[in-house]
Amino acid sequence: MAFLTRRNLILGAGGILGGTLVGAFAYDSYASATYSHGWRMGLLYKLSEKSNWTRLFLRDTGEGEIMLGVNSARAEWRGGDGGAQFNPWAFSASPEQARQYVGLEGRMVAVEYRQVMNRWHGWKGDTAYRLLGMTPIDPRLGPAGGVEVKRHGLRSEGRRIGRLVKVTRKGFATKSWEVTVQEASGGNNFLEMSLLDDEIYDAAIEYLRSGRLLSVSYIESLVRNPLNRDTNYAIIGIKPVEG
């Protein structure tokens, strides 16, 4: 047939290849985009270099896990957005980072990370959470007198005692600030809460990095705007528990 010329076949094959490459590039850009950026706190008990078949044994990554909070154990619960949350929390790193933080195993640490949209079939790590940095907790961090904003809830107001084990800014088109509180002085009671203010958000990160026991003031609303928070609980104050 006239249209099945060598030139047309070459052009058709080139178009298919070009479209495939453009699609692969677009997917890689999407998969590597940042969905959330935040901090988590807990006991670092695993940090290793790893190679497996998903990377054709050609690319090593660093893989780590922290047991969230203090004196906790393996657990699973629902986050504010309905997604599954796990303790321990796993993250991925480069081999260089895995070697950089050798010596922190067995210590309480604060981990800064970003969450990508998709982990790209394990080529760049076993998880969607990519390590940005890690520091031992420092009880000197955080405003000494606490921080508070004035708001009122339609359903209830109260205080919880616990530690911040996750503080994150998340979302793709719209962003929200979300927090996980380990209630009491330890254990597996994890409560999802939200933040509405920059000042509280900045202080929450410092308090997470301190590992200190905190008094968390909050309001509970009957309804919420799903575009600016995942939960009905909004933190309005954080203050260290003395003694």
C-alpha atoms as a PDB file:
ATOM      1  CA  MET A   1       0.000   0.000   0.000  1.00  0.00           C
ATOM      2  CA  ALA A   2       1.182   3.503  -0.861  1.00  0.00           C
ATOM      3  CA  PHE A   3       1.170   4.863   2.673  1.00  0.00           C
ATOM      4  CA  LEU A   4       3.360   2.007   3.953  1.00  0.00           C
ATOM      5  CA  THR A   5       6.517   3.534   2.584  1.00  0.00           C
ATOM      6  CA  ARG A   6       9.840   3.334   4.353  1.00  0.00           C
ATOM      7  CA  ARG A   7       9.660   7.041   5.095  1.00  0.00           C
ATOM      8  CA  ASN A   8       6.218   6.766   6.693  1.00  0.00           C
ATOM      9  CA  LEU A   9       7.274   3.748   8.739  1.00  0.00           C
ATOM     10  CA  ILE A  10      10.329   5.613  10.022  1.00  0.00           C
ATOM     11  CA  LEU A  11       8.252   8.677  10.830  1.00  0.00           C
ATOM     12  CA  GLY A  12       5.643   6.547  12.596  1.00  0.00           C
ATOM     13  CA  ALA A  13       8.256   4.676  14.646  1.00  0.00           C
ATOM     14  CA  GLY A  14       9.932   7.981  15.503  1.00  0.00           C
ATOM     15  CA  GLY A  15       6.629   9.445  16.638  1.00  0.00           C
ATOM     16  CA  ILE A  16       5.883   6.459  18.859  1.00  0.00           C
ATOM     17  CA  LEU A  17       9.377   6.556  20.366  1.00  0.00           C
ATOM     18  CA  GLY A  18       9.213  10.304  20.870  1.00  0.00           C
ATOM     19  CA  GLY A  19       5.794  10.077  22.490  1.00  0.00           C
ATOM     20  CA  THR A  20       7.024   7.305  24.776  1.00  0.00           C
ATOM     21  CA  LEU A  21      10.049   9.344  25.843  1.00  0.00           C
ATOM     22  CA  VAL A  22       7.935  12.439  26.459  1.00  0.00           C
ATOM     23  CA  GLY A  23       5.465  10.365  28.483  1.00  0.00           C
ATOM     24  CA  ALA A  24       8.269   8.769  30.516  1.00  0.00           C
ATOM     25  CA  PHE A  25       9.804  12.191  31.206  1.00  0.00           C
ATOM     26  CA  ALA A  26       6.427  13.629  32.212  1.00  0.00           C
ATOM     27  CA  TYR A  27       5.751  10.697  34.535  1.00  0.00           C
ATOM     28  CA  ASP A  28       9.205  10.953  36.099  1.00  0.00           C
ATOM     29  CA  SER A  29       8.663  14.682  36.699  1.00  0.00           C
ATOM     30  CA  TYR A  30       5.299  13.965  38.305  1.00  0.00           C
ATOM     31  CA  ALA A  31       6.605  11.041  40.376  1.00  0.00           C
ATOM     32  CA  SER A  32       9.549  13.091  41.673  1.00  0.00           C
ATOM     33  CA  ALA A  33       7.437  16.116  42.624  1.00  0.00           C
ATOM     34  CA  THR A  34       7.187  16.887  46.340  1.00  0.00           C
ATOM     35  CA  TYR A  35       3.839  16.013  47.915  1.00  0.00           C
ATOM     36  CA  SER A  36       4.838  16.814  51.494  1.00  0.00           C
ATOM     37  CA  HIS A  37       7.778  18.189  53.443  1.00  0.00           C
ATOM     38  CA  GLY A  38       8.153  17.670  57.153  1.00  0.00           C
ATOM     39  CA  TRP A  39       9.786  16.168  60.207  1.00  0.00           C
ATOM     40  CA  ARG A  40       9.325  12.959  62.228  1.00  0.00           C
ATOM     41  CA  MET A  41      10.796  12.079  65.602  1.00  0.00           C
ATOM     42  CA  GLY A  42      11.645   8.773  67.201  1.00  0.00           C
ATOM     43  CA  LEU A  43      14.219   6.088  67.930  1.00  0.00           C
ATOM     44  CA  LEU A  44      16.482   5.330  64.964  1.00  0.00           C
ATOM     45  CA  TYR A  45      16.973   1.575  65.023  1.00  0.00           C
ATOM     46  CA  LYS A  46      17.727   0.782  61.381  1.00  0.00           C
ATOM     47  CA  LEU A  47      19.920   2.494  58.791  1.00  0.00           C
ATOM     48  CA  SER A  48      21.545   0.431  56.058  1.00  0.00           C
ATOM     49  CA  GLU A  49      22.677   0.348  52.446  1.00  0.00           C
ATOM     50  CA  LYS A  50      20.587  -1.911  50.263  1.00  0.00           C
ATOM     51  CA  SER A  51      20.560  -3.324  46.737  1.00  0.00           C
ATOM     52  CA  ASN A  52      17.804  -5.538  45.307  1.00  0.00           C
ATOM     53  CA  TRP A  53      16.175  -6.733  42.094  1.00  0.00           C
ATOM     54  CA  THR A  54      13.893  -3.669  41.762  1.00  0.00           C
ATOM     55  CA  ARG A  55      17.068  -1.721  40.997  1.00  0.00           C
ATOM     56  CA  LEU A  56      18.534  -4.595  38.943  1.00  0.00           C
ATOM     57  CA  PHE A  57      21.240  -4.820  41.625  1.00  0.00           C
ATOM     58  CA  LEU A  58      22.888  -1.823  39.937  1.00  0.00           C
ATOM     59  CA  ARG A  59      21.814   0.974  42.277  1.00  0.00           C
ATOM     60  CA  ASP A  60      22.186   0.986  46.067  1.00  0.00           C
ATOM     61  CA  THR A  61      20.017   3.072  48.356  1.00  0.00           C
ATOM     62  CA  GLY A  62      19.993   3.787  52.053  1.00  0.00           C
ATOM     63  CA  GLU A  63      16.940   2.550  53.949  1.00  0.00           C
ATOM     64  CA  GLY A  64      16.055   3.440  57.521  1.00  0.00           C
ATOM     65  CA  GLU A  65      13.323   3.085  60.122  1.00  0.00           C
ATOM     66  CA  ILE A  66      12.453   4.972  63.287  1.00  0.00           C
ATOM     67  CA  MET A  67      10.094   3.893  66.074  1.00  0.00           C
ATOM     68  CA  LEU A  68       7.979   7.000  66.508  1.00  0.00           C
ATOM     69  CA  GLY A  69       7.986   8.799  69.831  1.00  0.00           C
ATOM     70  CA  VAL A  70       9.032   7.259  73.123  1.00  0.00           C
ATOM     71  CA  ASN A  71       8.475   3.673  74.313  1.00  0.00           C
ATOM     72  CA  SER A  72       6.203   2.793  71.405  1.00  0.00           C
ATOM     73  CA  ALA A  73       5.750  -0.460  69.488  1.00  0.00           C
ATOM     74  CA  ARG A  74       4.534  -1.612  66.080  1.00  0.00           C
ATOM     75  CA  ALA A  75       1.150  -0.107  65.248  1.00  0.00           C
ATOM     76  CA  GLU A  76      -1.131   0.941  62.392  1.00  0.00           C
ATOM     77  CA  TRP A  77      -3.808   3.627  62.387  1.00  0.00           C
ATOM     78  CA  ARG A  78      -5.673   5.967  60.043  1.00  0.00           C
ATOM     79  CA  GLY A  79      -4.307   9.409  59.309  1.00  0.00           C
ATOM     80  CA  GLY A  80      -6.399  12.515  59.078  1.00  0.00           C
ATOM     81  CA  ASP A  81      -6.780  12.009  55.317  1.00  0.00           C
ATOM     82  CA  GLY A  82      -7.881   8.395  55.792  1.00  0.00           C
ATOM     83  CA  GLY A  83      -4.576   6.926  54.639  1.00  0.00           C
ATOM     84  CA  ALA A  84      -2.790   4.204  56.589  1.00  0.00           C
ATOM     85  CA  GLN A  85      -0.101   5.321  59.042  1.00  0.00           C
ATOM     86  CA  PHE A  86       2.545   2.961  60.375  1.00  0.00           C
ATOM     87  CA  ASN A  87       4.901   2.673  63.307  1.00  0.00           C
ATOM     88  CA  PRO A  88       7.792   2.147  62.690  1.00  0.00           C
ATOM     89  CA  TRP A  89       8.060   4.731  59.937  1.00  0.00           C
ATOM     90  CA  ALA A  90      10.381   3.863  57.034  1.00  0.00           C
ATOM     91  CA  PHE A  91      12.338   6.268  54.830  1.00  0.00           C
ATOM     92  CA  SER A  92      14.855   6.123  51.992  1.00  0.00           C
ATOM     93  CA  ALA A  93      18.195   7.861  51.536  1.00  0.00           C
ATOM     94  CA  SER A  94      21.286   7.835  49.388  1.00  0.00           C
ATOM     95  CA  PRO A  95      24.153   5.474  50.280  1.00  0.00           C
ATOM     96  CA  GLU A  96      26.218   8.542  51.159  1.00  0.00           C
ATOM     97  CA  GLN A  97      23.577   9.677  53.654  1.00  0.00           C
ATOM     98  CA  ALA A  98      23.408   6.194  55.165  1.00  0.00           C
ATOM     99  CA  ARG A  99      27.140   6.366  55.791  1.00  0.00           C
ATOM    100  CA  GLN A 100      26.964   9.986  56.988  1.00  0.00           C
ATOM    101  CA  TYR A 101      24.574   9.184  59.828  1.00  0.00           C
ATOM    102  CA  VAL A 102      26.237   5.995  61.040  1.00  0.00           C
ATOM    103  CA  GLY A 103      26.528   6.342  64.804  1.00  0.00           C
ATOM    104  CA  LEU A 104      23.036   7.715  65.362  1.00  0.00           C
ATOM    105  CA  GLU A 105      21.476   4.245  65.554  1.00  0.00           C
ATOM    106  CA  GLY A 106      19.923   3.685  68.957  1.00  0.00           C
ATOM    107  CA  ARG A 107      19.438   7.420  69.567  1.00  0.00           C
ATOM    108  CA  MET A 108      16.364   9.633  69.538  1.00  0.00           C
ATOM    109  CA  VAL A 109      16.488  11.689  66.351  1.00  0.00           C
ATOM    110  CA  ALA A 110      14.479  14.191  64.310  1.00  0.00           C
ATOM    111  CA  VAL A 111      14.321  13.320  60.611  1.00  0.00           C
ATOM    112  CA  GLU A 112      13.636  15.932  57.933  1.00  0.00           C
ATOM    113  CA  TYR A 113      12.168  14.468  54.753  1.00  0.00           C
ATOM    114  CA  ARG A 114      10.176  15.098  51.629  1.00  0.00           C
ATOM    115  CA  GLN A 115       7.514  12.763  50.282  1.00  0.00           C
ATOM    116  CA  VAL A 116       7.447  12.297  46.511  1.00  0.00           C
ATOM    117  CA  MET A 117       4.246  11.723  44.565  1.00  0.00           C
ATOM    118  CA  ASN A 118       5.294   8.194  43.582  1.00  0.00           C
ATOM    119  CA  ARG A 119       8.340   6.172  44.542  1.00  0.00           C
ATOM    120  CA  TRP A 120       8.997   5.297  40.871  1.00  0.00           C
ATOM    121  CA  HIS A 121       8.893   1.529  41.208  1.00  0.00           C
ATOM    122  CA  GLY A 122      11.606   1.420  43.834  1.00  0.00           C
ATOM    123  CA  TRP A 123      14.368   2.687  41.527  1.00  0.00           C
ATOM    124  CA  LYS A 124      15.283   5.569  43.841  1.00  0.00           C
ATOM    125  CA  GLY A 125      14.307   3.967  47.138  1.00  0.00           C
ATOM    126  CA  ASP A 126      11.965   1.473  48.737  1.00  0.00           C
ATOM    127  CA  THR A 127       9.705   4.241  50.081  1.00  0.00           C
ATOM    128  CA  ALA A 128       8.205   7.539  48.899  1.00  0.00           C
ATOM    129  CA  TYR A 129       9.929   9.354  51.800  1.00  0.00           C
ATOM    130  CA  ARG A 130      13.351  10.788  50.955  1.00  0.00           C
ATOM    131  CA  LEU A 131      15.768  11.819  53.694  1.00  0.00           C
ATOM    132  CA  LEU A 132      16.867  15.464  53.735  1.00  0.00           C
ATOM    133  CA  GLY A 133      18.658  15.520  57.091  1.00  0.00           C
ATOM    134  CA  MET A 134      18.810  14.023  60.555  1.00  0.00           C
ATOM    135  CA  THR A 135      19.785  15.409  63.965  1.00  0.00           C
ATOM    136  CA  PRO A 136      19.688  14.075  67.538  1.00  0.00           C
ATOM    137  CA  ILE A 137      16.863  15.595  69.565  1.00  0.00           C
ATOM    138  CA  ASP A 138      17.828  18.650  71.608  1.00  0.00           C
ATOM    139  CA  PRO A 139      15.658  19.493  74.679  1.00  0.00           C
ATOM    140  CA  ARG A 140      16.822  23.114  74.505  1.00  0.00           C
ATOM    141  CA  LEU A 141      14.870  23.779  71.305  1.00  0.00           C
ATOM    142  CA  GLY A 142      11.481  25.487  71.152  1.00  0.00           C
ATOM    143  CA  PRO A 143      10.114  28.691  72.710  1.00  0.00           C
ATOM    144  CA  ALA A 144      10.633  28.465  76.482  1.00  0.00           C
ATOM    145  CA  GLY A 145       7.240  29.917  77.354  1.00  0.00           C
ATOM    146  CA  GLY A 146       5.271  28.204  74.628  1.00  0.00           C
ATOM    147  CA  VAL A 147       3.225  29.708  71.821  1.00  0.00           C
ATOM    148  CA  GLU A 148      -0.513  30.309  71.505  1.00  0.00           C
ATOM    149  CA  VAL A 149      -3.029  31.931  69.168  1.00  0.00           C
ATOM    150  CA  LYS A 150      -6.594  33.005  69.936  1.00  0.00           C
ATOM    151  CA  ARG A 151      -9.289  30.857  68.383  1.00  0.00           C
ATOM    152  CA  HIS A 152     -12.529  29.284  69.588  1.00  0.00           C
ATOM    153  CA  GLY A 153     -14.020  25.926  68.696  1.00  0.00           C
ATOM    154  CA  LEU A 154     -17.653  25.235  67.920  1.00  0.00           C
ATOM    155  CA  ARG A 155     -17.645  21.808  69.552  1.00  0.00           C
ATOM    156  CA  SER A 156     -14.966  21.665  72.238  1.00  0.00           C
ATOM    157  CA  GLU A 157     -11.695  23.073  73.507  1.00  0.00           C
ATOM    158  CA  GLY A 158      -9.100  21.191  75.500  1.00  0.00           C
ATOM    159  CA  ARG A 159      -5.526  20.129  76.140  1.00  0.00           C
ATOM    160  CA  ARG A 160      -3.611  16.916  75.537  1.00  0.00           C
ATOM    161  CA  ILE A 161      -0.261  15.903  76.999  1.00  0.00           C
ATOM    162  CA  GLY A 162       2.151  14.246  74.639  1.00  0.00           C
ATOM    163  CA  ARG A 163       4.978  14.596  72.133  1.00  0.00           C
ATOM    164  CA  LEU A 164       4.942  15.736  68.537  1.00  0.00           C
ATOM    165  CA  VAL A 165       6.155  12.863  66.361  1.00  0.00           C
ATOM    166  CA  LYS A 166       5.165  14.280  62.958  1.00  0.00           C
ATOM    167  CA  VAL A 167       4.853  17.829  61.639  1.00  0.00           C
ATOM    168  CA  THR A 168       4.318  18.165  57.901  1.00  0.00           C
ATOM    169  CA  ARG A 169       3.128  20.520  55.203  1.00  0.00           C
ATOM    170  CA  LYS A 170       1.335  18.375  52.626  1.00  0.00           C
ATOM    171  CA  GLY A 171      -0.756  18.514  49.496  1.00  0.00           C
ATOM    172  CA  PHE A 172      -0.268  19.046  45.770  1.00  0.00           C
ATOM    173  CA  ALA A 173      -2.647  21.747  44.529  1.00  0.00           C
ATOM    174  CA  THR A 174      -3.480  23.030  48.020  1.00  0.00           C
ATOM    175  CA  LYS A 175      -1.339  22.696  51.152  1.00  0.00           C
ATOM    176  CA  SER A 176      -2.252  21.960  54.758  1.00  0.00           C
ATOM    177  CA  TRP A 177      -0.255  21.564  57.973  1.00  0.00           C
ATOM    178  CA  GLU A 178      -0.746  18.239  59.742  1.00  0.00           C
ATOM    179  CA  VAL A 179       0.581  16.889  63.048  1.00  0.00           C
ATOM    180  CA  THR A 180       0.708  13.543  64.839  1.00  0.00           C
ATOM    181  CA  VAL A 181       0.758  13.618  68.641  1.00  0.00           C
ATOM    182  CA  GLN A 182       1.914  10.669  70.727  1.00  0.00           C
ATOM    183  CA  GLU A 183      -0.400  11.030  73.712  1.00  0.00           C
ATOM    184  CA  ALA A 184       0.794  10.706  77.311  1.00  0.00           C
ATOM    185  CA  SER A 185       4.433   9.897  78.049  1.00  0.00           C
ATOM    186  CA  GLY A 186       4.705   6.963  75.629  1.00  0.00           C
ATOM    187  CA  GLY A 187       2.897   4.059  74.017  1.00  0.00           C
ATOM    188  CA  ASN A 188       0.852   3.660  70.857  1.00  0.00           C
ATOM    189  CA  ASN A 189      -1.886   6.272  71.291  1.00  0.00           C
ATOM    190  CA  PHE A 190      -1.329   8.495  68.241  1.00  0.00           C
ATOM    191  CA  LEU A 191      -3.723  11.372  67.514  1.00  0.00           C
ATOM    192  CA  GLU A 192      -3.928  13.233  64.204  1.00  0.00           C
ATOM    193  CA  MET A 193      -4.366  17.014  64.468  1.00  0.00           C
ATOM    194  CA  SER A 194      -4.019  20.043  62.188  1.00  0.00           C
ATOM    195  CA  LEU A 195      -2.401  23.479  62.274  1.00  0.00           C
ATOM    196  CA  LEU A 196      -3.784  26.731  60.900  1.00  0.00           C
ATOM    197  CA  ASP A 197      -1.065  29.287  61.724  1.00  0.00           C
ATOM    198  CA  ASP A 198       2.512  29.868  60.549  1.00  0.00           C
ATOM    199  CA  GLU A 199       3.659  30.759  64.071  1.00  0.00           C
ATOM    200  CA  ILE A 200       2.351  27.506  65.530  1.00  0.00           C
ATOM    201  CA  TYR A 201       3.814  25.529  62.618  1.00  0.00           C
ATOM    202  CA  ASP A 202       7.326  26.948  63.100  1.00  0.00           C
ATOM    203  CA  ALA A 203       7.190  26.343  66.855  1.00  0.00           C
ATOM    204  CA  ALA A 204       5.829  22.812  66.344  1.00  0.00           C
ATOM    205  CA  ILE A 205       8.886  21.872  64.275  1.00  0.00           C
ATOM    206  CA  GLU A 206      11.228  23.112  66.994  1.00  0.00           C
ATOM    207  CA  TYR A 207       9.287  21.265  69.689  1.00  0.00           C
ATOM    208  CA  LEU A 208       9.367  18.068  67.636  1.00  0.00           C
ATOM    209  CA  ARG A 209      13.143  18.432  67.293  1.00  0.00           C
ATOM    210  CA  SER A 210      13.369  18.856  71.075  1.00  0.00           C
ATOM    211  CA  GLY A 211      11.577  15.586  71.873  1.00  0.00           C
ATOM    212  CA  ARG A 212      10.029  17.305  74.909  1.00  0.00           C
ATOM    213  CA  LEU A 213       6.790  16.409  76.638  1.00  0.00           C
ATOM    214  CA  LEU A 214       4.238  19.085  75.747  1.00  0.00           C
ATOM    215  CA  SER A 215       0.843  20.445  76.665  1.00  0.00           C
ATOM    216  CA  VAL A 216      -1.041  20.800  73.372  1.00  0.00           C
ATOM    217  CA  SER A 217      -4.093  23.109  73.383  1.00  0.00           C
ATOM    218  CA  TYR A 218      -6.662  22.572  70.652  1.00  0.00           C
ATOM    219  CA  ILE A 219     -10.148  23.325  69.427  1.00  0.00           C
ATOM    220  CA  GLU A 220     -12.503  20.811  67.848  1.00  0.00           C
ATOM    221  CA  SER A 221     -14.867  21.964  65.107  1.00  0.00           C
ATOM    222  CA  LEU A 222     -18.145  20.439  63.964  1.00  0.00           C
ATOM    223  CA  VAL A 223     -17.194  21.054  60.333  1.00  0.00           C
ATOM    224  CA  ARG A 224     -13.933  21.861  58.598  1.00  0.00           C
ATOM    225  CA  ASN A 225     -12.683  23.110  55.276  1.00  0.00           C
ATOM    226  CA  PRO A 226     -11.077  20.026  53.650  1.00  0.00           C
ATOM    227  CA  LEU A 227      -8.873  22.297  51.536  1.00  0.00           C
ATOM    228  CA  ASN A 228      -6.937  23.678  54.514  1.00  0.00           C
ATOM    229  CA  ARG A 229      -6.832  20.768  56.982  1.00  0.00           C
ATOM    230  CA  ASP A 230      -7.399  17.013  57.272  1.00  0.00           C
ATOM    231  CA  THR A 231      -8.885  16.831  60.778  1.00  0.00           C
ATOM    232  CA  ASN A 232     -11.476  18.560  62.956  1.00  0.00           C
ATOM    233  CA  TYR A 233      -8.783  19.240  65.571  1.00  0.00           C
ATOM    234  CA  ALA A 234      -6.795  22.490  65.237  1.00  0.00           C
ATOM    235  CA  ILE A 235      -3.834  23.137  67.531  1.00  0.00           C
ATOM    236  CA  ILE A 236      -3.947  26.647  69.020  1.00  0.00           C
ATOM    237  CA  GLY A 237      -1.173  26.392  71.596  1.00  0.00           C
ATOM    238  CA  ILE A 238       1.910  24.387  72.555  1.00  0.00           C
ATOM    239  CA  LYS A 239       3.746  24.640  75.849  1.00  0.00           C
ATOM    240  CA  PRO A 240       6.488  22.480  77.369  1.00  0.00           C
ATOM    241  CA  VAL A 241       5.561  20.423  80.439  1.00  0.00           C
ATOM    242  CA  GLU A 242       7.982  21.373  83.163  1.00  0.00           C
ATOM    243  CA  GLY A 243       9.541  18.929  85.586  1.00  0.00           C
END
